Amino acid sequence: MGSNFMGGLCNQAEAIHRETVNKILDLSDGAVTEEDIEELIMSTQFTDEEMLNLYMYFKDLDQVGDKKLTNNEFLQFPFLRFCPLKPLLFHAFMLKEDKEFPEFAHLEGKEEKKEIKKEEKKTEEGKKKEKKKKDKDKDKESQENEDGEEAAEEEKNVEKLVEAQRVKDSELPQCKARYIGFKEFARYISVFNRKTPIDLKIKFYFRLFDTDGDQKITRRDLNQVIALVGGTELNEEQRYTIVDNIMNECSQGKAYVDHNDFQKVLFTTSLENRCKIDLTSYHKS
């Protein structure tokens, strides 16, 4: 009797899980696979219901409908949109550079490499088509006698403009556009999962407070954070008093707070209860 009851519960749980996975697959329209969803549920420790709600938030944020978010679209996530520390989240989430933060890294993923190869192939094919077109145009030009000199001169002017634009483009910073797919979105947001280990939450908060990324939290860093949190309610003297208190408590006599100092202080707090968001329900933004 007991084994039948437990077996029935397991079958019911599996049926609910399958239903949730299928809902996400339908919503994603090919953007994620069943294997992706299963891996994300295991690695992020979100429940089936939370993962489904997270995808619905992702779909809301994807205003263009291309199944990926810009960094700014990502920061419009309802739980982050009005965060007073929002200006610092770019650095904390490593939105500009992920390689130093492996827990949330995705730059060297296989999918991205595939996309890069596809783009390279498209570029190469485009160059070949352009060359073929130019050769064809030149052949056609050589066969035309009427207004030949004028056409040749015009072609030279066009080529000069194109070459000038190429030189101009080569001087631009070689910045690679970054987009966030659902897999990256779920991994980023998992730092706010109540089940995520506290050491990962501490790493995230250290990055948030270390505003210049020098692996130290200085008075300047703290002053910037407190100014964002306190806003106009705190004057300069009040901010400096708070900074002094934090430094006296955390820095162990140094001119900065390192990761070990930061960790010791946060381990004594209920950070796992503070650094969390509730995804058990979905509210359209």
Protein backbone atom coordinates (compact mmCIF):
# COMPACT_ATOMS: atom_id res chain seq x y z
CA MET A 1 0.00 0.00 0.00
CA GLY A 2 2.76 2.44 1.01
CA SER A 3 4.88 1.66 -2.04
CA ASN A 4 1.90 2.15 -4.34
CA PHE A 5 1.17 5.51 -2.73
CA MET A 6 4.77 6.68 -3.09
CA GLY A 7 4.88 5.41 -6.65
CA GLY A 8 1.73 7.35 -7.44
CA LEU A 9 3.23 10.54 -6.02
CA CYS A 10 6.40 10.05 -8.06
CA ASN A 11 4.37 9.51 -11.23
CA GLN A 12 2.32 12.63 -10.49
CA ALA A 13 5.47 14.70 -9.89
CA GLU A 14 7.01 13.43 -13.11
CA ALA A 15 3.83 14.26 -15.04
CA ILE A 16 3.86 17.83 -13.65
CA HIS A 17 7.55 18.14 -14.52
CA ARG A 18 6.96 16.97 -18.10
CA GLU A 19 4.05 19.38 -18.47
CA THR A 20 6.18 22.32 -17.25
CA VAL A 21 9.08 21.44 -19.54
CA ASN A 22 6.71 21.22 -22.51
CA LYS A 23 5.24 24.64 -21.66
CA ILE A 24 8.73 26.18 -21.67
CA LEU A 25 9.54 24.46 -24.96
CA ASP A 26 6.35 25.84 -26.51
CA LEU A 27 7.09 29.36 -25.25
CA SER A 28 10.70 29.24 -26.42
CA ASP A 29 9.83 28.15 -29.96
CA GLY A 30 13.17 26.40 -30.42
CA ALA A 31 15.31 28.84 -28.43
CA VAL A 32 16.06 26.17 -25.82
CA THR A 33 16.01 22.38 -25.91
CA GLU A 34 14.66 19.89 -23.41
CA GLU A 35 18.26 19.11 -22.42
CA ASP A 36 18.90 22.83 -21.81
CA ILE A 37 15.91 23.07 -19.48
CA GLU A 38 16.85 19.92 -17.54
CA GLU A 39 20.44 21.14 -17.14
CA LEU A 40 19.29 24.59 -16.00
CA ILE A 41 16.89 23.18 -13.40
CA MET A 42 19.73 21.09 -11.97
CA SER A 43 22.45 23.77 -12.05
CA THR A 44 20.37 26.75 -10.90
CA GLN A 45 18.23 24.77 -8.43
CA PHE A 46 15.10 26.60 -9.52
CA THR A 47 11.92 24.54 -9.26
CA ASP A 48 9.89 23.66 -12.35
CA GLU A 49 7.39 26.40 -11.53
CA GLU A 50 10.13 28.99 -10.96
CA MET A 51 11.83 28.09 -14.24
CA LEU A 52 8.55 28.47 -16.13
CA ASN A 53 7.88 31.86 -14.52
CA LEU A 54 11.45 32.93 -15.26
CA TYR A 55 10.97 32.12 -18.94
CA MET A 56 7.76 34.16 -19.04
CA TYR A 57 9.68 37.12 -17.59
CA PHE A 58 12.40 36.56 -20.20
CA LYS A 59 9.78 36.56 -22.96
CA ASP A 60 8.32 39.84 -21.63
CA LEU A 61 11.75 41.48 -21.62
CA ASP A 62 12.46 40.32 -25.20
CA GLN A 63 10.55 43.15 -26.85
CA VAL A 64 11.98 42.49 -30.32
CA GLY A 65 11.12 38.80 -30.18
CA ASP A 66 14.59 37.57 -31.25
CA LYS A 67 14.92 35.27 -28.19
CA LYS A 68 17.81 37.21 -26.68
CA LEU A 69 18.23 40.27 -24.50
CA THR A 70 20.56 43.21 -24.61
CA ASN A 71 22.31 44.08 -21.35
CA ASN A 72 19.91 46.97 -20.81
CA GLU A 73 16.86 44.80 -21.48
CA PHE A 74 18.19 42.31 -18.93
CA LEU A 75 18.38 45.06 -16.29
CA GLN A 76 14.69 45.83 -16.90
CA PHE A 77 13.88 42.55 -15.14
CA PRO A 78 11.21 43.63 -12.59
CA PHE A 79 13.29 42.56 -9.59
CA LEU A 80 16.27 44.63 -10.78
CA ARG A 81 14.61 47.58 -12.49
CA PHE A 82 14.27 49.75 -9.39
CA CYS A 83 17.30 48.48 -7.50
CA PRO A 84 19.22 51.51 -6.15
CA LEU A 85 22.48 49.74 -7.04
CA LYS A 86 21.38 49.16 -10.64
CA PRO A 87 24.27 51.28 -12.08
CA LEU A 88 26.71 48.82 -10.47
CA LEU A 89 25.00 45.66 -11.73
CA PHE A 90 26.79 45.78 -15.10
CA HIS A 91 30.04 45.13 -13.29
CA ALA A 92 28.60 42.74 -10.69
CA PHE A 93 27.01 40.54 -13.35
CA MET A 94 30.10 40.76 -15.57
CA LEU A 95 27.93 41.92 -18.46
CA LYS A 96 30.96 43.36 -20.24
CA GLU A 97 33.44 40.61 -19.48
CA ASP A 98 32.58 37.16 -18.10
CA LYS A 99 35.87 35.25 -18.16
CA GLU A 100 36.88 36.26 -14.62
CA PHE A 101 33.66 35.00 -13.06
CA PRO A 102 33.33 31.31 -14.01
CA GLU A 103 30.13 30.73 -12.02
CA PHE A 104 28.28 32.93 -14.48
CA ALA A 105 30.65 32.74 -17.47
CA HIS A 106 29.47 31.90 -20.97
CA LEU A 107 31.85 33.63 -23.37
CA GLU A 108 33.59 30.44 -24.41
CA GLY A 109 30.43 28.34 -24.76
CA LYS A 110 30.02 25.93 -27.66
CA GLU A 111 26.87 27.67 -28.86
CA GLU A 112 28.63 31.02 -29.09
CA LYS A 113 31.52 29.45 -31.00
CA LYS A 114 29.02 27.98 -33.46
CA GLU A 115 27.43 31.39 -33.92
CA ILE A 116 30.82 33.00 -34.49
CA LYS A 117 31.64 30.37 -37.14
CA LYS A 118 28.28 30.98 -38.82
CA GLU A 119 28.91 34.72 -38.90
CA GLU A 120 32.41 34.19 -40.28
CA LYS A 121 31.00 31.93 -42.99
CA LYS A 122 28.34 34.51 -43.89
CA THR A 123 30.97 37.23 -44.07
CA GLU A 124 33.20 35.12 -46.33
CA GLU A 125 30.27 34.28 -48.61
CA GLY A 126 29.33 37.96 -48.71
CA LYS A 127 32.86 38.92 -49.75
CA LYS A 128 32.80 36.34 -52.54
CA LYS A 129 29.45 37.61 -53.80
CA GLU A 130 30.68 41.20 -53.65
CA LYS A 131 33.84 40.31 -55.60
CA LYS A 132 31.82 38.40 -58.18
CA LYS A 133 29.48 41.37 -58.57
CA LYS A 134 32.38 43.78 -58.95
CA ASP A 135 34.01 41.56 -61.58
CA LYS A 136 30.73 41.35 -63.45
CA ASP A 137 30.30 45.13 -63.27
CA LYS A 138 33.83 45.65 -64.56
CA ASP A 139 33.20 43.28 -67.51
CA LYS A 140 30.02 45.10 -68.30
CA GLU A 141 31.76 48.45 -68.05
CA SER A 142 34.52 47.38 -70.39
CA GLN A 143 31.92 46.43 -73.02
CA GLU A 144 30.14 49.76 -72.88
CA ASN A 145 31.64 52.49 -75.04
CA GLU A 146 29.05 55.17 -74.61
CA ASP A 147 29.85 57.45 -71.68
CA GLY A 148 32.68 55.08 -70.82
CA GLU A 149 35.00 57.68 -69.39
CA GLU A 150 32.26 59.22 -67.25
CA ALA A 151 31.19 55.81 -65.92
CA ALA A 152 34.78 54.87 -65.14
CA GLU A 153 35.34 58.11 -63.28
CA GLU A 154 32.14 57.63 -61.28
CA GLU A 155 33.20 54.06 -60.40
CA LYS A 156 36.54 55.35 -59.13
CA ASN A 157 34.80 57.91 -56.96
CA VAL A 158 32.54 55.23 -55.48
CA GLU A 159 35.55 53.01 -54.77
CA LYS A 160 37.30 55.89 -53.04
CA LEU A 161 34.27 56.47 -50.84
CA VAL A 162 34.05 52.77 -49.99
CA GLU A 163 37.75 52.62 -49.16
CA ALA A 164 37.49 55.75 -47.02
CA GLN A 165 34.59 54.17 -45.11
CA ARG A 166 36.65 50.98 -44.61
CA VAL A 167 39.49 52.99 -43.11
CA LYS A 168 37.02 54.83 -40.90
CA ASP A 169 35.44 51.55 -39.73
CA SER A 170 38.84 50.02 -38.95
CA GLU A 171 39.53 52.86 -36.54
CA LEU A 172 36.43 52.09 -34.49
CA PRO A 173 36.84 50.10 -31.24
CA GLN A 174 36.46 46.41 -31.99
CA CYS A 175 33.62 45.79 -29.53
CA LYS A 176 31.69 42.56 -29.87
CA ALA A 177 27.95 42.93 -29.32
CA ARG A 178 26.81 40.92 -26.32
CA TYR A 179 23.40 39.39 -25.97
CA ILE A 180 21.89 37.27 -23.24
CA GLY A 181 19.99 34.12 -24.16
CA PHE A 182 17.65 32.37 -21.74
CA LYS A 183 20.35 30.01 -20.46
CA GLU A 184 22.57 32.94 -19.47
CA PHE A 185 19.55 34.81 -18.08
CA ALA A 186 18.63 31.91 -15.79
CA ARG A 187 22.23 31.50 -14.59
CA TYR A 188 22.58 35.20 -13.81
CA ILE A 189 19.30 35.32 -11.88
CA SER A 190 20.19 32.13 -9.99
CA VAL A 191 22.42 34.22 -7.71
CA PHE A 192 19.14 35.36 -6.13
CA ASN A 193 17.84 31.83 -5.67
CA ARG A 194 17.41 31.06 -1.98
CA LYS A 195 19.10 27.69 -2.60
CA THR A 196 22.26 29.13 -4.17
CA PRO A 197 25.31 28.61 -1.88
CA ILE A 198 26.13 31.63 0.24
CA ASP A 199 29.74 31.75 -0.98
CA LEU A 200 28.49 32.48 -4.50
CA LYS A 201 26.20 35.20 -3.18
CA ILE A 202 29.16 36.71 -1.31
CA LYS A 203 31.27 36.71 -4.48
CA PHE A 204 28.48 38.53 -6.28
CA TYR A 205 28.10 41.16 -3.55
CA PHE A 206 31.85 41.67 -3.34
CA ARG A 207 31.87 42.45 -7.06
CA LEU A 208 28.94 44.80 -6.52
CA PHE A 209 30.79 46.77 -3.81
CA ASP A 210 34.16 46.64 -5.59
CA THR A 211 33.10 49.31 -8.04
CA ASP A 212 36.45 49.66 -9.83
CA GLY A 213 37.23 45.94 -10.01
CA ASP A 214 40.60 46.11 -8.20
CA GLN A 215 39.72 43.22 -5.83
CA LYS A 216 39.52 45.66 -2.91
CA ILE A 217 36.65 47.58 -1.38
CA THR A 218 38.00 51.02 -0.55
CA ARG A 219 36.46 54.09 1.05
CA ARG A 220 35.80 55.40 -2.44
CA ASP A 221 33.88 52.22 -3.36
CA LEU A 222 31.83 52.35 -0.16
CA ASN A 223 31.06 56.03 -0.58
CA GLN A 224 29.73 55.36 -4.09
CA VAL A 225 27.56 52.46 -2.91
CA ILE A 226 26.17 54.39 0.07
CA ALA A 227 25.46 57.43 -2.12
CA LEU A 228 23.35 55.23 -4.42
CA VAL A 229 21.51 53.54 -1.55
CA GLY A 230 20.98 56.66 0.56
CA GLY A 231 20.32 59.06 -2.28
CA THR A 232 19.58 62.63 -1.25
CA GLU A 233 18.55 61.57 2.25
CA LEU A 234 22.20 61.36 3.33
CA ASN A 235 24.55 64.32 3.26
CA GLU A 236 28.30 64.00 2.73
CA GLU A 237 29.12 63.95 6.44
CA GLN A 238 26.60 61.19 7.11
CA ARG A 239 28.00 59.10 4.27
CA TYR A 240 31.55 59.47 5.58
CA THR A 241 30.41 58.44 9.07
CA ILE A 242 28.86 55.25 7.67
CA VAL A 243 32.01 54.55 5.64
CA ASP A 244 34.16 55.01 8.76
CA ASN A 245 31.99 52.60 10.74
CA ILE A 246 32.14 49.95 8.01
CA MET A 247 35.91 50.28 7.62
CA ASN A 248 36.48 50.08 11.37
CA GLU A 249 34.36 46.94 11.59
CA CYS A 250 35.57 45.11 8.49
CA SER A 251 39.03 46.22 7.34
CA GLN A 252 41.16 44.75 10.16
CA GLY A 253 43.15 47.99 10.31
CA LYS A 254 43.85 48.10 6.56
CA ALA A 255 42.94 50.90 4.18
CA TYR A 256 40.60 48.54 2.32
CA VAL A 257 38.35 45.51 2.75
CA ASP A 258 39.51 42.39 0.93
CA HIS A 259 37.43 39.36 0.00
CA ASN A 260 38.28 37.47 3.21
CA ASP A 261 37.26 40.43 5.39
CA PHE A 262 34.05 40.80 3.40
CA GLN A 263 33.29 37.10 3.65
CA LYS A 264 33.79 36.99 7.43
CA VAL A 265 31.31 39.79 7.95
CA LEU A 266 28.64 38.46 5.56
CA PHE A 267 28.87 34.92 6.92
CA THR A 268 27.47 36.30 10.19
CA THR A 269 24.45 37.82 8.45
CA SER A 270 21.33 36.23 7.00
CA LEU A 271 22.47 36.99 3.44
CA GLU A 272 20.77 33.91 2.02
CA ASN A 273 17.43 35.36 3.17
CA ARG A 274 18.17 38.88 1.96
CA CYS A 275 19.72 38.08 -1.43
CA LYS A 276 16.69 36.37 -2.95
CA ILE A 277 13.75 36.94 -5.24
CA ASP A 278 10.36 35.22 -5.31
CA LEU A 279 9.67 33.42 -8.58
CA THR A 280 6.85 31.25 -7.26
CA SER A 281 4.42 33.50 -9.12
CA TYR A 282 4.51 35.50 -12.33
CA HIS A 283 3.30 39.08 -12.73
CA LYS A 284 3.27 40.58 -16.20
CA SER A 285 5.33 43.77 -16.19
